[in-house]
mmCIF file of all heavy atoms, coordinates in Angstrom:
data_MODEL
# 
_entry.id   MODEL 
# 
loop_
_atom_site.group_PDB 
_atom_site.id 
_atom_site.type_symbol 
_atom_site.label_atom_id 
_atom_site.label_alt_id 
_atom_site.label_comp_id 
_atom_site.label_asym_id 
_atom_site.label_entity_id 
_atom_site.label_seq_id 
_atom_site.pdbx_PDB_ins_code 
_atom_site.Cartn_x 
_atom_site.Cartn_y 
_atom_site.Cartn_z 
_atom_site.occupancy 
_atom_site.B_iso_or_equiv 
_atom_site.pdbx_formal_charge 
_atom_site.auth_seq_id 
_atom_site.auth_comp_id 
_atom_site.auth_asym_id 
_atom_site.auth_atom_id 
_atom_site.pdbx_PDB_model_num 
ATOM 1   N N   . GLN A 1 1  ? -36.423 -13.173 6.076  1.00 0.00 ? 1  GLN A N   1 
ATOM 2   C CA  . GLN A 1 1  ? -36.551 -14.300 5.189  1.00 0.00 ? 1  GLN A CA  1 
ATOM 3   C C   . GLN A 1 1  ? -37.548 -15.406 5.734  1.00 0.00 ? 1  GLN A C   1 
ATOM 4   O O   . GLN A 1 1  ? -38.350 -15.937 4.981  1.00 0.00 ? 1  GLN A O   1 
ATOM 5   C CB  . GLN A 1 1  ? -35.157 -14.978 4.961  1.00 0.00 ? 1  GLN A CB  1 
ATOM 6   C CG  . GLN A 1 1  ? -34.190 -14.100 4.207  1.00 0.00 ? 1  GLN A CG  1 
ATOM 7   C CD  . GLN A 1 1  ? -32.848 -14.777 4.097  1.00 0.00 ? 1  GLN A CD  1 
ATOM 8   O OE1 . GLN A 1 1  ? -32.168 -14.904 5.042  1.00 0.00 ? 1  GLN A OE1 1 
ATOM 9   N NE2 . GLN A 1 1  ? -32.530 -15.161 2.844  1.00 0.00 ? 1  GLN A NE2 1 
ATOM 10  N N   . VAL A 1 2  ? -37.414 -15.658 7.058  1.00 0.00 ? 2  VAL A N   1 
ATOM 11  C CA  . VAL A 1 2  ? -38.204 -16.712 7.654  1.00 0.00 ? 2  VAL A CA  1 
ATOM 12  C C   . VAL A 1 2  ? -39.643 -16.325 7.770  1.00 0.00 ? 2  VAL A C   1 
ATOM 13  O O   . VAL A 1 2  ? -40.548 -17.107 7.316  1.00 0.00 ? 2  VAL A O   1 
ATOM 14  C CB  . VAL A 1 2  ? -37.633 -17.129 9.032  1.00 0.00 ? 2  VAL A CB  1 
ATOM 15  C CG1 . VAL A 1 2  ? -38.500 -18.116 9.736  1.00 0.00 ? 2  VAL A CG1 1 
ATOM 16  C CG2 . VAL A 1 2  ? -36.169 -17.719 8.816  1.00 0.00 ? 2  VAL A CG2 1 
ATOM 17  N N   . ILE A 1 3  ? -39.918 -15.212 8.373  1.00 0.00 ? 3  ILE A N   1 
ATOM 18  C CA  . ILE A 1 3  ? -41.288 -14.753 8.680  1.00 0.00 ? 3  ILE A CA  1 
ATOM 19  C C   . ILE A 1 3  ? -42.097 -14.549 7.421  1.00 0.00 ? 3  ILE A C   1 
ATOM 20  O O   . ILE A 1 3  ? -43.321 -14.728 7.439  1.00 0.00 ? 3  ILE A O   1 
ATOM 21  C CB  . ILE A 1 3  ? -41.300 -13.547 9.561  1.00 0.00 ? 3  ILE A CB  1 
ATOM 22  C CG1 . ILE A 1 3  ? -40.562 -13.844 10.915 1.00 0.00 ? 3  ILE A CG1 1 
ATOM 23  C CG2 . ILE A 1 3  ? -42.762 -13.147 9.913  1.00 0.00 ? 3  ILE A CG2 1 
ATOM 24  C CD1 . ILE A 1 3  ? -41.044 -14.992 11.702 1.00 0.00 ? 3  ILE A CD1 1 
ATOM 25  N N   . GLY A 1 4  ? -41.407 -14.155 6.362  1.00 0.00 ? 4  GLY A N   1 
ATOM 26  C CA  . GLY A 1 4  ? -42.108 -13.997 5.058  1.00 0.00 ? 4  GLY A CA  1 
ATOM 27  C C   . GLY A 1 4  ? -42.564 -15.317 4.468  1.00 0.00 ? 4  GLY A C   1 
ATOM 28  O O   . GLY A 1 4  ? -43.361 -15.310 3.519  1.00 0.00 ? 4  GLY A O   1 
ATOM 29  N N   . LYS A 1 5  ? -42.123 -16.449 5.035  1.00 0.00 ? 5  LYS A N   1 
ATOM 30  C CA  . LYS A 1 5  ? -42.486 -17.758 4.490  1.00 0.00 ? 5  LYS A CA  1 
ATOM 31  C C   . LYS A 1 5  ? -43.365 -18.613 5.407  1.00 0.00 ? 5  LYS A C   1 
ATOM 32  O O   . LYS A 1 5  ? -43.570 -19.751 5.098  1.00 0.00 ? 5  LYS A O   1 
ATOM 33  C CB  . LYS A 1 5  ? -41.201 -18.544 4.006  1.00 0.00 ? 5  LYS A CB  1 
ATOM 34  C CG  . LYS A 1 5  ? -40.437 -17.842 2.879  1.00 0.00 ? 5  LYS A CG  1 
ATOM 35  C CD  . LYS A 1 5  ? -39.300 -18.718 2.425  1.00 0.00 ? 5  LYS A CD  1 
ATOM 36  C CE  . LYS A 1 5  ? -38.569 -18.024 1.314  1.00 0.00 ? 5  LYS A CE  1 
ATOM 37  N NZ  . LYS A 1 5  ? -39.337 -17.916 0.064  1.00 0.00 ? 5  LYS A NZ  1 
ATOM 38  N N   . VAL A 1 6  ? -43.773 -18.045 6.502  1.00 0.00 ? 6  VAL A N   1 
ATOM 39  C CA  . VAL A 1 6  ? -44.664 -18.793 7.407  1.00 0.00 ? 6  VAL A CA  1 
ATOM 40  C C   . VAL A 1 6  ? -46.074 -18.313 7.112  1.00 0.00 ? 6  VAL A C   1 
ATOM 41  O O   . VAL A 1 6  ? -46.326 -17.257 6.554  1.00 0.00 ? 6  VAL A O   1 
ATOM 42  C CB  . VAL A 1 6  ? -44.273 -18.567 8.881  1.00 0.00 ? 6  VAL A CB  1 
ATOM 43  C CG1 . VAL A 1 6  ? -42.898 -19.046 9.174  1.00 0.00 ? 6  VAL A CG1 1 
ATOM 44  C CG2 . VAL A 1 6  ? -44.432 -17.093 9.242  1.00 0.00 ? 6  VAL A CG2 1 
ATOM 45  N N   . PRO A 1 7  ? -47.092 -19.092 7.523  1.00 0.00 ? 7  PRO A N   1 
ATOM 46  C CA  . PRO A 1 7  ? -48.495 -18.699 7.235  1.00 0.00 ? 7  PRO A CA  1 
ATOM 47  C C   . PRO A 1 7  ? -48.852 -17.341 7.770  1.00 0.00 ? 7  PRO A C   1 
ATOM 48  O O   . PRO A 1 7  ? -48.480 -16.916 8.893  1.00 0.00 ? 7  PRO A O   1 
ATOM 49  C CB  . PRO A 1 7  ? -49.283 -19.786 7.928  1.00 0.00 ? 7  PRO A CB  1 
ATOM 50  C CG  . PRO A 1 7  ? -48.330 -20.970 8.026  1.00 0.00 ? 7  PRO A CG  1 
ATOM 51  C CD  . PRO A 1 7  ? -47.000 -20.359 8.208  1.00 0.00 ? 7  PRO A CD  1 
ATOM 52  N N   . GLU A 1 8  ? -49.580 -16.556 6.949  1.00 0.00 ? 8  GLU A N   1 
ATOM 53  C CA  . GLU A 1 8  ? -50.028 -15.232 7.394  1.00 0.00 ? 8  GLU A CA  1 
ATOM 54  C C   . GLU A 1 8  ? -50.977 -15.420 8.616  1.00 0.00 ? 8  GLU A C   1 
ATOM 55  O O   . GLU A 1 8  ? -51.734 -16.329 8.753  1.00 0.00 ? 8  GLU A O   1 
ATOM 56  C CB  . GLU A 1 8  ? -50.768 -14.517 6.274  1.00 0.00 ? 8  GLU A CB  1 
ATOM 57  C CG  . GLU A 1 8  ? -49.811 -13.997 5.183  1.00 0.00 ? 8  GLU A CG  1 
ATOM 58  C CD  . GLU A 1 8  ? -50.620 -13.074 4.282  1.00 0.00 ? 8  GLU A CD  1 
ATOM 59  O OE1 . GLU A 1 8  ? -51.578 -12.452 4.687  1.00 0.00 ? 8  GLU A OE1 1 
ATOM 60  O OE2 . GLU A 1 8  ? -50.190 -12.991 3.134  1.00 0.00 ? 8  GLU A OE2 1 
ATOM 61  N N   . GLY A 1 9  ? -50.903 -14.416 9.524  1.00 0.00 ? 9  GLY A N   1 
ATOM 62  C CA  . GLY A 1 9  ? -51.692 -14.442 10.682 1.00 0.00 ? 9  GLY A CA  1 
ATOM 63  C C   . GLY A 1 9  ? -51.177 -15.261 11.832 1.00 0.00 ? 9  GLY A C   1 
ATOM 64  O O   . GLY A 1 9  ? -51.778 -15.370 12.880 1.00 0.00 ? 9  GLY A O   1 
ATOM 65  N N   . SER A 1 10 ? -50.050 -16.004 11.650 1.00 0.00 ? 10 SER A N   1 
ATOM 66  C CA  . SER A 1 10 ? -49.414 -16.744 12.664 1.00 0.00 ? 10 SER A CA  1 
ATOM 67  C C   . SER A 1 10 ? -48.747 -15.913 13.677 1.00 0.00 ? 10 SER A C   1 
ATOM 68  O O   . SER A 1 10 ? -48.487 -14.703 13.446 1.00 0.00 ? 10 SER A O   1 
ATOM 69  C CB  . SER A 1 10 ? -48.449 -17.814 12.052 1.00 0.00 ? 10 SER A CB  1 
ATOM 70  O OG  . SER A 1 10 ? -47.308 -17.154 11.533 1.00 0.00 ? 10 SER A OG  1 
ATOM 71  N N   . ASP A 1 11 ? -48.365 -16.453 14.792 1.00 0.00 ? 11 ASP A N   1 
ATOM 72  C CA  . ASP A 1 11 ? -47.614 -15.699 15.840 1.00 0.00 ? 11 ASP A CA  1 
ATOM 73  C C   . ASP A 1 11 ? -46.157 -15.845 15.819 1.00 0.00 ? 11 ASP A C   1 
ATOM 74  O O   . ASP A 1 11 ? -45.474 -15.608 16.791 1.00 0.00 ? 11 ASP A O   1 
ATOM 75  C CB  . ASP A 1 11 ? -48.191 -16.045 17.269 1.00 0.00 ? 11 ASP A CB  1 
ATOM 76  C CG  . ASP A 1 11 ? -47.893 -17.537 17.551 1.00 0.00 ? 11 ASP A CG  1 
ATOM 77  O OD1 . ASP A 1 11 ? -47.477 -18.286 16.709 1.00 0.00 ? 11 ASP A OD1 1 
ATOM 78  O OD2 . ASP A 1 11 ? -48.100 -17.902 18.769 1.00 0.00 ? 11 ASP A OD2 1 
ATOM 79  N N   . TYR A 1 12 ? -45.579 -16.341 14.651 1.00 0.00 ? 12 TYR A N   1 
ATOM 80  C CA  . TYR A 1 12 ? -44.212 -16.594 14.670 1.00 0.00 ? 12 TYR A CA  1 
ATOM 81  C C   . TYR A 1 12 ? -43.319 -15.366 14.810 1.00 0.00 ? 12 TYR A C   1 
ATOM 82  O O   . TYR A 1 12 ? -42.275 -15.373 15.481 1.00 0.00 ? 12 TYR A O   1 
ATOM 83  C CB  . TYR A 1 12 ? -43.788 -17.325 13.311 1.00 0.00 ? 12 TYR A CB  1 
ATOM 84  C CG  . TYR A 1 12 ? -44.151 -18.831 13.326 1.00 0.00 ? 12 TYR A CG  1 
ATOM 85  C CD1 . TYR A 1 12 ? -45.356 -19.243 12.810 1.00 0.00 ? 12 TYR A CD1 1 
ATOM 86  C CD2 . TYR A 1 12 ? -43.269 -19.686 13.993 1.00 0.00 ? 12 TYR A CD2 1 
ATOM 87  C CE1 . TYR A 1 12 ? -45.660 -20.579 12.851 1.00 0.00 ? 12 TYR A CE1 1 
ATOM 88  C CE2 . TYR A 1 12 ? -43.595 -21.094 13.970 1.00 0.00 ? 12 TYR A CE2 1 
ATOM 89  C CZ  . TYR A 1 12 ? -44.750 -21.465 13.463 1.00 0.00 ? 12 TYR A CZ  1 
ATOM 90  O OH  . TYR A 1 12 ? -45.040 -22.831 13.486 1.00 0.00 ? 12 TYR A OH  1 
ATOM 91  N N   . SER A 1 13 ? -43.769 -14.251 14.298 1.00 0.00 ? 13 SER A N   1 
ATOM 92  C CA  . SER A 1 13 ? -43.019 -13.011 14.440 1.00 0.00 ? 13 SER A CA  1 
ATOM 93  C C   . SER A 1 13 ? -42.945 -12.619 15.916 1.00 0.00 ? 13 SER A C   1 
ATOM 94  O O   . SER A 1 13 ? -41.888 -12.262 16.368 1.00 0.00 ? 13 SER A O   1 
ATOM 95  C CB  . SER A 1 13 ? -43.654 -11.883 13.630 1.00 0.00 ? 13 SER A CB  1 
ATOM 96  O OG  . SER A 1 13 ? -42.969 -10.707 13.851 1.00 0.00 ? 13 SER A OG  1 
ATOM 97  N N   . LYS A 1 14 ? -44.057 -12.704 16.610 1.00 0.00 ? 14 LYS A N   1 
ATOM 98  C CA  . LYS A 1 14 ? -44.066 -12.304 18.031 1.00 0.00 ? 14 LYS A CA  1 
ATOM 99  C C   . LYS A 1 14 ? -43.201 -13.297 18.838 1.00 0.00 ? 14 LYS A C   1 
ATOM 100 O O   . LYS A 1 14 ? -42.451 -12.851 19.722 1.00 0.00 ? 14 LYS A O   1 
ATOM 101 C CB  . LYS A 1 14 ? -45.500 -12.373 18.504 1.00 0.00 ? 14 LYS A CB  1 
ATOM 102 C CG  . LYS A 1 14 ? -45.683 -11.781 19.915 1.00 0.00 ? 14 LYS A CG  1 
ATOM 103 C CD  . LYS A 1 14 ? -47.121 -11.679 20.323 1.00 0.00 ? 14 LYS A CD  1 
ATOM 104 C CE  . LYS A 1 14 ? -47.854 -10.634 19.452 1.00 0.00 ? 14 LYS A CE  1 
ATOM 105 N NZ  . LYS A 1 14 ? -49.232 -10.395 19.845 1.00 0.00 ? 14 LYS A NZ  1 
ATOM 106 N N   . ARG A 1 15 ? -43.238 -14.582 18.531 1.00 0.00 ? 15 ARG A N   1 
ATOM 107 C CA  . ARG A 1 15 ? -42.429 -15.554 19.275 1.00 0.00 ? 15 ARG A CA  1 
ATOM 108 C C   . ARG A 1 15 ? -40.947 -15.316 19.000 1.00 0.00 ? 15 ARG A C   1 
ATOM 109 O O   . ARG A 1 15 ? -40.127 -15.404 19.923 1.00 0.00 ? 15 ARG A O   1 
ATOM 110 C CB  . ARG A 1 15 ? -42.895 -16.994 18.868 1.00 0.00 ? 15 ARG A CB  1 
ATOM 111 C CG  . ARG A 1 15 ? -44.236 -17.357 19.408 1.00 0.00 ? 15 ARG A CG  1 
ATOM 112 C CD  . ARG A 1 15 ? -44.778 -18.565 18.666 1.00 0.00 ? 15 ARG A CD  1 
ATOM 113 N NE  . ARG A 1 15 ? -43.981 -19.739 18.897 1.00 0.00 ? 15 ARG A NE  1 
ATOM 114 C CZ  . ARG A 1 15 ? -44.052 -20.827 18.138 1.00 0.00 ? 15 ARG A CZ  1 
ATOM 115 N NH1 . ARG A 1 15 ? -44.893 -20.880 17.149 1.00 0.00 ? 15 ARG A NH1 1 
ATOM 116 N NH2 . ARG A 1 15 ? -43.357 -21.913 18.435 1.00 0.00 ? 15 ARG A NH2 1 
ATOM 117 N N   . TRP A 1 16 ? -40.663 -14.981 17.797 1.00 0.00 ? 16 TRP A N   1 
ATOM 118 C CA  . TRP A 1 16 ? -39.162 -14.644 17.480 1.00 0.00 ? 16 TRP A CA  1 
ATOM 119 C C   . TRP A 1 16 ? -38.742 -13.449 18.252 1.00 0.00 ? 16 TRP A C   1 
ATOM 120 O O   . TRP A 1 16 ? -37.704 -13.451 18.840 1.00 0.00 ? 16 TRP A O   1 
ATOM 121 C CB  . TRP A 1 16 ? -39.123 -14.407 15.991 1.00 0.00 ? 16 TRP A CB  1 
ATOM 122 C CG  . TRP A 1 16 ? -37.772 -14.067 15.405 1.00 0.00 ? 16 TRP A CG  1 
ATOM 123 C CD1 . TRP A 1 16 ? -36.980 -12.984 15.818 1.00 0.00 ? 16 TRP A CD1 1 
ATOM 124 C CD2 . TRP A 1 16 ? -37.017 -14.767 14.399 1.00 0.00 ? 16 TRP A CD2 1 
ATOM 125 N NE1 . TRP A 1 16 ? -35.830 -12.967 15.084 1.00 0.00 ? 16 TRP A NE1 1 
ATOM 126 C CE2 . TRP A 1 16 ? -35.797 -14.012 14.223 1.00 0.00 ? 16 TRP A CE2 1 
ATOM 127 C CE3 . TRP A 1 16 ? -37.335 -15.890 13.594 1.00 0.00 ? 16 TRP A CE3 1 
ATOM 128 C CZ2 . TRP A 1 16 ? -34.853 -14.452 13.260 1.00 0.00 ? 16 TRP A CZ2 1 
ATOM 129 C CZ3 . TRP A 1 16 ? -36.349 -16.205 12.679 1.00 0.00 ? 16 TRP A CZ3 1 
ATOM 130 C CH2 . TRP A 1 16 ? -35.170 -15.600 12.499 1.00 0.00 ? 16 TRP A CH2 1 
ATOM 131 N N   . GLU A 1 17 ? -39.648 -12.499 18.246 1.00 0.00 ? 17 GLU A N   1 
ATOM 132 C CA  . GLU A 1 17 ? -39.398 -11.204 18.984 1.00 0.00 ? 17 GLU A CA  1 
ATOM 133 C C   . GLU A 1 17 ? -39.214 -11.440 20.446 1.00 0.00 ? 17 GLU A C   1 
ATOM 134 O O   . GLU A 1 17 ? -38.317 -10.824 21.114 1.00 0.00 ? 17 GLU A O   1 
ATOM 135 C CB  . GLU A 1 17 ? -40.522 -10.254 18.708 1.00 0.00 ? 17 GLU A CB  1 
ATOM 136 C CG  . GLU A 1 17 ? -40.064 -8.817  18.443 1.00 0.00 ? 17 GLU A CG  1 
ATOM 137 C CD  . GLU A 1 17 ? -41.215 -8.113  17.780 1.00 0.00 ? 17 GLU A CD  1 
ATOM 138 O OE1 . GLU A 1 17 ? -42.080 -7.667  18.508 1.00 0.00 ? 17 GLU A OE1 1 
ATOM 139 O OE2 . GLU A 1 17 ? -41.185 -7.981  16.558 1.00 0.00 ? 17 GLU A OE2 1 
ATOM 140 N N   . ASN A 1 18 ? -40.066 -12.249 21.046 1.00 0.00 ? 18 ASN A N   1 
ATOM 141 C CA  . ASN A 1 18 ? -39.990 -12.518 22.446 1.00 0.00 ? 18 ASN A CA  1 
ATOM 142 C C   . ASN A 1 18 ? -38.583 -13.199 22.793 1.00 0.00 ? 18 ASN A C   1 
ATOM 143 O O   . ASN A 1 18 ? -38.009 -12.920 23.850 1.00 0.00 ? 18 ASN A O   1 
ATOM 144 C CB  . ASN A 1 18 ? -41.135 -13.460 22.913 1.00 0.00 ? 18 ASN A CB  1 
ATOM 145 C CG  . ASN A 1 18 ? -42.484 -12.700 22.885 1.00 0.00 ? 18 ASN A CG  1 
ATOM 146 O OD1 . ASN A 1 18 ? -42.499 -11.492 22.894 1.00 0.00 ? 18 ASN A OD1 1 
ATOM 147 N ND2 . ASN A 1 18 ? -43.537 -13.473 22.895 1.00 0.00 ? 18 ASN A ND2 1 
ATOM 148 N N   . ALA A 1 19 ? -38.135 -14.113 21.977 1.00 0.00 ? 19 ALA A N   1 
ATOM 149 C CA  . ALA A 1 19 ? -36.831 -14.686 22.187 1.00 0.00 ? 19 ALA A CA  1 
ATOM 150 C C   . ALA A 1 19 ? -35.691 -13.666 22.142 1.00 0.00 ? 19 ALA A C   1 
ATOM 151 O O   . ALA A 1 19 ? -34.831 -13.647 22.911 1.00 0.00 ? 19 ALA A O   1 
ATOM 152 C CB  . ALA A 1 19 ? -36.672 -15.858 21.107 1.00 0.00 ? 19 ALA A CB  1 
ATOM 153 N N   . GLU A 1 20 ? -35.819 -12.740 21.151 1.00 0.00 ? 20 GLU A N   1 
ATOM 154 C CA  . GLU A 1 20 ? -34.772 -11.760 21.036 1.00 0.00 ? 20 GLU A CA  1 
ATOM 155 C C   . GLU A 1 20 ? -34.802 -10.797 22.219 1.00 0.00 ? 20 GLU A C   1 
ATOM 156 O O   . GLU A 1 20 ? -33.726 -10.398 22.723 1.00 0.00 ? 20 GLU A O   1 
ATOM 157 C CB  . GLU A 1 20 ? -34.910 -10.944 19.756 1.00 0.00 ? 20 GLU A CB  1 
ATOM 158 C CG  . GLU A 1 20 ? -33.896 -9.850  19.532 1.00 0.00 ? 20 GLU A CG  1 
ATOM 159 C CD  . GLU A 1 20 ? -33.990 -9.199  18.258 1.00 0.00 ? 20 GLU A CD  1 
ATOM 160 O OE1 . GLU A 1 20 ? -34.975 -9.369  17.478 1.00 0.00 ? 20 GLU A OE1 1 
ATOM 161 O OE2 . GLU A 1 20 ? -32.985 -8.382  17.903 1.00 0.00 ? 20 GLU A OE2 1 
ATOM 162 N N   . GLU A 1 21 ? -36.002 -10.489 22.701 1.00 0.00 ? 21 GLU A N   1 
ATOM 163 C CA  . GLU A 1 21 ? -36.092 -9.602  23.813 1.00 0.00 ? 21 GLU A CA  1 
ATOM 164 C C   . GLU A 1 21 ? -35.531 -10.203 25.074 1.00 0.00 ? 21 GLU A C   1 
ATOM 165 O O   . GLU A 1 21 ? -34.909 -9.544  25.895 1.00 0.00 ? 21 GLU A O   1 
ATOM 166 C CB  . GLU A 1 21 ? -37.554 -9.159  24.031 1.00 0.00 ? 21 GLU A CB  1 
ATOM 167 C CG  . GLU A 1 21 ? -37.736 -8.054  25.154 1.00 0.00 ? 21 GLU A CG  1 
ATOM 168 C CD  . GLU A 1 21 ? -39.103 -7.574  25.166 1.00 0.00 ? 21 GLU A CD  1 
ATOM 169 O OE1 . GLU A 1 21 ? -39.836 -7.673  24.186 1.00 0.00 ? 21 GLU A OE1 1 
ATOM 170 O OE2 . GLU A 1 21 ? -39.479 -7.023  26.236 1.00 0.00 ? 21 GLU A OE2 1 
ATOM 171 N N   . ALA A 1 22 ? -35.755 -11.498 25.198 1.00 0.00 ? 22 ALA A N   1 
ATOM 172 C CA  . ALA A 1 22 ? -35.277 -12.219 26.439 1.00 0.00 ? 22 ALA A CA  1 
ATOM 173 C C   . ALA A 1 22 ? -33.717 -12.296 26.438 1.00 0.00 ? 22 ALA A C   1 
ATOM 174 O O   . ALA A 1 22 ? -33.132 -12.191 27.513 1.00 0.00 ? 22 ALA A O   1 
ATOM 175 C CB  . ALA A 1 22 ? -35.801 -13.674 26.394 1.00 0.00 ? 22 ALA A CB  1 
ATOM 176 N N   . LEU A 1 23 ? -33.081 -12.360 25.268 1.00 0.00 ? 23 LEU A N   1 
ATOM 177 C CA  . LEU A 1 23 ? -31.621 -12.477 25.242 1.00 0.00 ? 23 LEU A CA  1 
ATOM 178 C C   . LEU A 1 23 ? -30.960 -11.068 25.065 1.00 0.00 ? 23 LEU A C   1 
ATOM 179 O O   . LEU A 1 23 ? -29.847 -10.884 25.484 1.00 0.00 ? 23 LEU A O   1 
ATOM 180 C CB  . LEU A 1 23 ? -31.224 -13.339 24.051 1.00 0.00 ? 23 LEU A CB  1 
ATOM 181 C CG  . LEU A 1 23 ? -31.612 -14.796 24.150 1.00 0.00 ? 23 LEU A CG  1 
ATOM 182 C CD1 . LEU A 1 23 ? -31.069 -15.613 22.958 1.00 0.00 ? 23 LEU A CD1 1 
ATOM 183 C CD2 . LEU A 1 23 ? -31.021 -15.369 25.464 1.00 0.00 ? 23 LEU A CD2 1 
ATOM 184 N N   . GLY A 1 24 ? -31.599 -10.201 24.424 1.00 0.00 ? 24 GLY A N   1 
ATOM 185 C CA  . GLY A 1 24 ? -30.986 -8.895  24.072 1.00 0.00 ? 24 GLY A CA  1 
ATOM 186 C C   . GLY A 1 24 ? -30.336 -9.083  22.642 1.00 0.00 ? 24 GLY A C   1 
ATOM 187 O O   . GLY A 1 24 ? -29.998 -10.227 22.271 1.00 0.00 ? 24 GLY A O   1 
ATOM 188 N N   . SER A 1 25 ? -30.192 -7.923  21.990 1.00 0.00 ? 25 SER A N   1 
ATOM 189 C CA  . SER A 1 25 ? -29.705 -7.997  20.590 1.00 0.00 ? 25 SER A CA  1 
ATOM 190 C C   . SER A 1 25 ? -28.364 -8.646  20.407 1.00 0.00 ? 25 SER A C   1 
ATOM 191 O O   . SER A 1 25 ? -28.202 -9.460  19.480 1.00 0.00 ? 25 SER A O   1 
ATOM 192 C CB  . SER A 1 25 ? -29.691 -6.584  19.993 1.00 0.00 ? 25 SER A CB  1 
ATOM 193 O OG  . SER A 1 25 ? -29.244 -6.537  18.684 1.00 0.00 ? 25 SER A OG  1 
ATOM 194 N N   . ASP A 1 26 ? -27.456 -8.346  21.238 1.00 0.00 ? 26 ASP A N   1 
ATOM 195 C CA  . ASP A 1 26 ? -26.044 -8.912  21.034 1.00 0.00 ? 26 ASP A CA  1 
ATOM 196 C C   . ASP A 1 26 ? -26.040 -10.372 21.313 1.00 0.00 ? 26 ASP A C   1 
ATOM 197 O O   . ASP A 1 26 ? -25.432 -11.156 20.484 1.00 0.00 ? 26 ASP A O   1 
ATOM 198 C CB  . ASP A 1 26 ? -25.050 -8.164  21.959 1.00 0.00 ? 26 ASP A CB  1 
ATOM 199 C CG  . ASP A 1 26 ? -24.805 -6.784  21.622 1.00 0.00 ? 26 ASP A CG  1 
ATOM 200 O OD1 . ASP A 1 26 ? -25.123 -6.396  20.451 1.00 0.00 ? 26 ASP A OD1 1 
ATOM 201 O OD2 . ASP A 1 26 ? -24.319 -6.009  22.471 1.00 0.00 ? 26 ASP A OD2 1 
# 
């Protein structure tokens, strides 16, 4: 929902992913 509404070409998906990887899925 969120990434679909941020500007195309931005790095928000990667930043979100980095945060998830740092914490782990659970």
